[in-house]
Amino acid sequence: MSKSHHRQPAWTRLAGALSLAAAVSAIGCQSDIGGQTLPSPYWQTDDVQYFPPGPEFKLSREAAAMKAFKNEQLRAGKAPVPAVSAPAPAPVPADLAP
């Protein structure tokens, strides 16, 4: 009644060690599970970036410059520059007309 000691080959131990190392290295990463982006366990230690709210109208400087130009033209007695309008649509070919 002797017990046989079965020893694993070296490659199985190496494969097990590599898979364990891969599993441990994946801990703490942001993951996407079922369509949800879940944070890492270290989210509380992350640095927070704050971007203060800007103006609602993004082109405020350009609008102010256009208004100043228009006022300058009116003070000089010149006719105001007409606003640029959208181009007229192209005519429909006769064979496609209803």
N, C-alpha and C. Protein backbone atom coordinates (compact mmCIF):
# COMPACT_ATOMS: atom_id res chain seq x y z
N MET A 1 0.80 -1.17 0.00
CA MET A 1 0.00 0.00 0.00
C MET A 1 0.86 1.25 0.00
N SER A 2 1.54 1.44 -1.01
CA SER A 2 2.34 2.66 -1.12
C SER A 2 1.58 3.69 -1.93
N LYS A 3 1.74 4.90 -1.52
CA LYS A 3 1.09 6.00 -2.23
C LYS A 3 2.02 6.46 -3.35
N SER A 4 1.45 6.59 -4.52
CA SER A 4 2.28 7.06 -5.62
C SER A 4 2.20 8.59 -5.65
N HIS A 5 3.32 9.19 -5.73
CA HIS A 5 3.39 10.65 -5.80
C HIS A 5 3.42 11.03 -7.27
N HIS A 6 2.33 11.69 -7.70
CA HIS A 6 2.24 12.11 -9.09
C HIS A 6 2.73 13.54 -9.18
N ARG A 7 3.73 13.73 -9.97
CA ARG A 7 4.33 15.05 -10.13
C ARG A 7 3.89 15.65 -11.46
N GLN A 8 3.49 16.95 -11.44
CA GLN A 8 3.05 17.61 -12.66
C GLN A 8 4.25 18.00 -13.51
N PRO A 9 4.06 17.98 -14.82
CA PRO A 9 5.16 18.43 -15.69
C PRO A 9 5.42 19.92 -15.50
N ALA A 10 6.60 20.34 -15.86
CA ALA A 10 7.00 21.74 -15.65
C ALA A 10 6.15 22.70 -16.48
N TRP A 11 5.73 22.30 -17.66
CA TRP A 11 4.97 23.22 -18.51
C TRP A 11 3.59 23.52 -17.94
N THR A 12 2.98 22.58 -17.21
CA THR A 12 1.67 22.86 -16.62
C THR A 12 1.80 23.83 -15.44
N ARG A 13 2.87 23.70 -14.70
CA ARG A 13 3.09 24.65 -13.61
C ARG A 13 3.39 26.04 -14.15
N LEU A 14 4.14 26.11 -15.26
CA LEU A 14 4.44 27.39 -15.88
C LEU A 14 3.17 28.02 -16.44
N ALA A 15 2.32 27.23 -17.08
CA ALA A 15 1.06 27.75 -17.63
C ALA A 15 0.16 28.25 -16.50
N GLY A 16 0.13 27.52 -15.39
CA GLY A 16 -0.67 27.96 -14.25
C GLY A 16 -0.14 29.25 -13.66
N ALA A 17 1.17 29.38 -13.56
CA ALA A 17 1.77 30.60 -13.02
C ALA A 17 1.51 31.79 -13.93
N LEU A 18 1.59 31.58 -15.24
CA LEU A 18 1.33 32.66 -16.18
C LEU A 18 -0.13 33.09 -16.15
N SER A 19 -1.04 32.14 -16.05
CA SER A 19 -2.45 32.50 -15.99
C SER A 19 -2.76 33.22 -14.68
N LEU A 20 -2.15 32.84 -13.60
CA LEU A 20 -2.33 33.53 -12.32
C LEU A 20 -1.78 34.95 -12.40
N ALA A 21 -0.63 35.12 -13.03
CA ALA A 21 -0.04 36.45 -13.19
C ALA A 21 -0.93 37.33 -14.07
N ALA A 22 -1.52 36.75 -15.12
CA ALA A 22 -2.41 37.51 -16.00
C ALA A 22 -3.66 37.94 -15.24
N ALA A 23 -4.19 37.07 -14.42
CA ALA A 23 -5.40 37.40 -13.65
C ALA A 23 -5.11 38.48 -12.62
N VAL A 24 -3.97 38.42 -11.97
CA VAL A 24 -3.62 39.41 -10.95
C VAL A 24 -3.35 40.76 -11.60
N SER A 25 -2.73 40.76 -12.79
CA SER A 25 -2.43 42.04 -13.44
C SER A 25 -3.68 42.72 -13.97
N ALA A 26 -4.77 41.98 -14.19
CA ALA A 26 -6.00 42.57 -14.70
C ALA A 26 -6.84 43.20 -13.59
N ILE A 27 -6.50 42.98 -12.36
CA ILE A 27 -7.25 43.54 -11.24
C ILE A 27 -6.97 45.04 -11.14
N GLY A 28 -8.00 45.83 -11.00
CA GLY A 28 -7.83 47.26 -10.84
C GLY A 28 -8.04 48.03 -12.12
N CYS A 29 -8.36 47.36 -13.20
CA CYS A 29 -8.58 48.05 -14.47
C CYS A 29 -10.05 48.38 -14.63
N GLN A 30 -10.31 49.43 -15.40
CA GLN A 30 -11.68 49.76 -15.72
C GLN A 30 -12.21 48.69 -16.67
N SER A 31 -13.41 48.23 -16.44
CA SER A 31 -13.94 47.14 -17.24
C SER A 31 -15.29 47.51 -17.83
N ASP A 32 -15.65 46.81 -18.89
CA ASP A 32 -16.93 47.02 -19.57
C ASP A 32 -17.69 45.71 -19.48
N ILE A 33 -18.73 45.69 -18.65
CA ILE A 33 -19.48 44.46 -18.42
C ILE A 33 -20.94 44.74 -18.71
N GLY A 34 -21.50 44.03 -19.67
CA GLY A 34 -22.92 44.17 -19.99
C GLY A 34 -23.30 45.56 -20.44
N GLY A 35 -22.40 46.26 -21.13
CA GLY A 35 -22.69 47.61 -21.59
C GLY A 35 -22.44 48.69 -20.56
N GLN A 36 -22.06 48.31 -19.35
CA GLN A 36 -21.77 49.29 -18.31
C GLN A 36 -20.27 49.44 -18.17
N THR A 37 -19.79 50.67 -18.06
CA THR A 37 -18.39 50.89 -17.78
C THR A 37 -18.24 51.01 -16.28
N LEU A 38 -17.57 50.04 -15.70
CA LEU A 38 -17.40 50.01 -14.25
C LEU A 38 -16.03 50.54 -13.88
N PRO A 39 -15.94 51.33 -12.82
CA PRO A 39 -14.66 51.93 -12.46
C PRO A 39 -13.72 50.92 -11.80
N SER A 40 -12.47 51.31 -11.76
CA SER A 40 -11.49 50.48 -11.09
C SER A 40 -11.64 50.67 -9.58
N PRO A 41 -11.08 49.78 -8.79
CA PRO A 41 -11.17 49.95 -7.34
C PRO A 41 -10.39 51.17 -6.83
N TYR A 42 -9.56 51.76 -7.69
CA TYR A 42 -8.73 52.88 -7.27
C TYR A 42 -9.31 54.22 -7.70
N TRP A 43 -10.61 54.27 -8.00
CA TRP A 43 -11.21 55.49 -8.52
C TRP A 43 -11.16 56.63 -7.52
N GLN A 44 -11.12 56.33 -6.23
CA GLN A 44 -11.10 57.39 -5.22
C GLN A 44 -9.75 58.09 -5.15
N THR A 45 -8.70 57.44 -5.60
CA THR A 45 -7.38 58.06 -5.55
C THR A 45 -7.00 58.73 -6.86
N ASP A 46 -7.87 58.66 -7.87
CA ASP A 46 -7.58 59.32 -9.15
C ASP A 46 -7.66 60.83 -8.99
N ASP A 47 -6.83 61.55 -9.77
CA ASP A 47 -6.90 63.00 -9.74
C ASP A 47 -8.09 63.45 -10.57
N VAL A 48 -8.79 64.44 -10.06
CA VAL A 48 -9.99 64.92 -10.71
C VAL A 48 -9.65 66.17 -11.50
N GLN A 49 -10.08 66.21 -12.75
CA GLN A 49 -9.86 67.39 -13.57
C GLN A 49 -11.15 68.20 -13.59
N TYR A 50 -11.01 69.49 -13.35
CA TYR A 50 -12.17 70.36 -13.34
C TYR A 50 -12.05 71.35 -14.48
N PHE A 51 -13.07 71.43 -15.29
CA PHE A 51 -13.12 72.39 -16.37
C PHE A 51 -14.26 73.36 -16.06
N PRO A 52 -13.95 74.63 -15.76
CA PRO A 52 -15.01 75.57 -15.43
C PRO A 52 -15.90 75.79 -16.65
N PRO A 53 -17.18 76.07 -16.42
CA PRO A 53 -18.07 76.29 -17.55
C PRO A 53 -17.69 77.55 -18.31
N GLY A 54 -17.73 77.45 -19.62
CA GLY A 54 -17.40 78.59 -20.47
C GLY A 54 -18.66 79.33 -20.88
N PRO A 55 -18.50 80.28 -21.78
CA PRO A 55 -19.69 81.01 -22.22
C PRO A 55 -20.61 80.10 -23.00
N GLU A 56 -21.90 80.36 -22.88
CA GLU A 56 -22.89 79.54 -23.59
C GLU A 56 -22.75 79.70 -25.09
N PHE A 57 -22.53 80.95 -25.53
CA PHE A 57 -22.34 81.22 -26.94
C PHE A 57 -20.85 81.22 -27.22
N LYS A 58 -20.38 80.25 -27.98
CA LYS A 58 -18.95 80.04 -28.17
C LYS A 58 -18.28 81.11 -29.02
N LEU A 59 -19.04 81.82 -29.85
CA LEU A 59 -18.45 82.80 -30.75
C LEU A 59 -18.72 84.23 -30.28
N SER A 60 -18.63 84.48 -28.98
CA SER A 60 -18.97 85.80 -28.44
C SER A 60 -18.00 86.87 -28.92
N ARG A 61 -16.72 86.58 -29.03
CA ARG A 61 -15.76 87.58 -29.51
C ARG A 61 -16.02 87.94 -30.97
N GLU A 62 -16.32 86.93 -31.78
CA GLU A 62 -16.60 87.18 -33.19
C GLU A 62 -17.88 88.01 -33.35
N ALA A 63 -18.90 87.69 -32.56
CA ALA A 63 -20.15 88.45 -32.63
C ALA A 63 -19.93 89.89 -32.20
N ALA A 64 -19.11 90.11 -31.17
CA ALA A 64 -18.82 91.47 -30.72
C ALA A 64 -18.06 92.24 -31.79
N ALA A 65 -17.11 91.58 -32.47
CA ALA A 65 -16.36 92.24 -33.53
C ALA A 65 -17.27 92.60 -34.70
N MET A 66 -18.19 91.72 -35.06
CA MET A 66 -19.12 92.00 -36.15
C MET A 66 -20.04 93.17 -35.79
N LYS A 67 -20.50 93.20 -34.55
CA LYS A 67 -21.38 94.29 -34.10
C LYS A 67 -20.62 95.61 -34.11
N ALA A 68 -19.36 95.61 -33.67
CA ALA A 68 -18.55 96.84 -33.67
C ALA A 68 -18.32 97.31 -35.10
N PHE A 69 -18.07 96.41 -36.03
CA PHE A 69 -17.88 96.77 -37.43
C PHE A 69 -19.15 97.38 -38.01
N LYS A 70 -20.28 96.78 -37.70
CA LYS A 70 -21.56 97.29 -38.20
C LYS A 70 -21.83 98.69 -37.65
N ASN A 71 -21.58 98.90 -36.36
CA ASN A 71 -21.77 100.22 -35.76
C ASN A 71 -20.82 101.24 -36.38
N GLU A 72 -19.60 100.84 -36.64
CA GLU A 72 -18.62 101.72 -37.27
C GLU A 72 -19.07 102.12 -38.67
N GLN A 73 -19.62 101.18 -39.42
CA GLN A 73 -20.11 101.46 -40.77
C GLN A 73 -21.30 102.42 -40.72
N LEU A 74 -22.18 102.23 -39.75
CA LEU A 74 -23.34 103.11 -39.62
C LEU A 74 -22.93 104.53 -39.23
N ARG A 75 -21.93 104.67 -38.34
CA ARG A 75 -21.45 105.99 -37.93
C ARG A 75 -20.75 106.70 -39.08
N ALA A 76 -20.10 105.95 -39.95
CA ALA A 76 -19.40 106.55 -41.08
C ALA A 76 -20.36 106.92 -42.21
N GLY A 77 -21.60 106.53 -42.10
CA GLY A 77 -22.59 106.87 -43.10
C GLY A 77 -22.61 105.92 -44.28
N LYS A 78 -21.91 104.84 -44.19
CA LYS A 78 -21.90 103.86 -45.28
C LYS A 78 -23.06 102.90 -45.11
N ALA A 79 -23.45 102.30 -46.22
CA ALA A 79 -24.52 101.31 -46.15
C ALA A 79 -24.00 100.07 -45.43
N PRO A 80 -24.82 99.47 -44.56
CA PRO A 80 -24.35 98.27 -43.85
C PRO A 80 -24.09 97.13 -44.83
N VAL A 81 -23.15 96.31 -44.47
CA VAL A 81 -22.80 95.15 -45.29
C VAL A 81 -23.92 94.14 -45.18
N PRO A 82 -24.47 93.68 -46.30
CA PRO A 82 -25.57 92.70 -46.20
C PRO A 82 -25.08 91.36 -45.64
N ALA A 83 -25.98 90.73 -44.96
CA ALA A 83 -25.65 89.42 -44.39
C ALA A 83 -25.54 88.38 -45.51
N VAL A 84 -24.68 87.44 -45.31
CA VAL A 84 -24.51 86.38 -46.30
C VAL A 84 -25.65 85.39 -46.14
N SER A 85 -26.32 85.13 -47.24
CA SER A 85 -27.43 84.18 -47.18
C SER A 85 -27.03 82.88 -47.86
N ALA A 86 -27.84 81.89 -47.68
CA ALA A 86 -27.57 80.59 -48.28
C ALA A 86 -27.78 80.69 -49.79
N PRO A 87 -26.99 79.96 -50.57
CA PRO A 87 -27.16 80.01 -52.02
C PRO A 87 -28.50 79.40 -52.42
N ALA A 88 -29.00 79.86 -53.56
CA ALA A 88 -30.27 79.33 -54.07
C ALA A 88 -30.09 77.87 -54.48
N PRO A 89 -31.12 77.06 -54.30
CA PRO A 89 -30.99 75.66 -54.68
C PRO A 89 -30.83 75.51 -56.19
N ALA A 90 -30.14 74.49 -56.60
CA ALA A 90 -29.91 74.24 -58.02
C ALA A 90 -31.23 73.87 -58.69
N PRO A 91 -31.42 74.28 -59.95
CA PRO A 91 -32.66 73.95 -60.65
C PRO A 91 -32.77 72.44 -60.89
N VAL A 92 -33.99 71.95 -60.89
CA VAL A 92 -34.24 70.53 -61.09
C VAL A 92 -34.26 70.27 -62.60
N PRO A 93 -33.54 69.27 -63.10
CA PRO A 93 -33.57 68.95 -64.53
C PRO A 93 -34.99 68.61 -64.98
N ALA A 94 -35.29 68.89 -66.24
CA ALA A 94 -36.64 68.71 -66.78
C ALA A 94 -37.09 67.25 -66.70
N ASP A 95 -36.15 66.32 -66.89
CA ASP A 95 -36.56 64.91 -66.87
C ASP A 95 -36.85 64.40 -65.46
N LEU A 96 -36.44 65.14 -64.45
CA LEU A 96 -36.72 64.74 -63.06
C LEU A 96 -37.84 65.54 -62.44
N ALA A 97 -38.31 66.57 -63.11
CA ALA A 97 -39.37 67.43 -62.57
C ALA A 97 -40.68 66.67 -62.49
N PRO A 98 -41.50 66.95 -61.46
CA PRO A 98 -42.77 66.21 -61.32
C PRO A 98 -43.81 66.60 -62.33
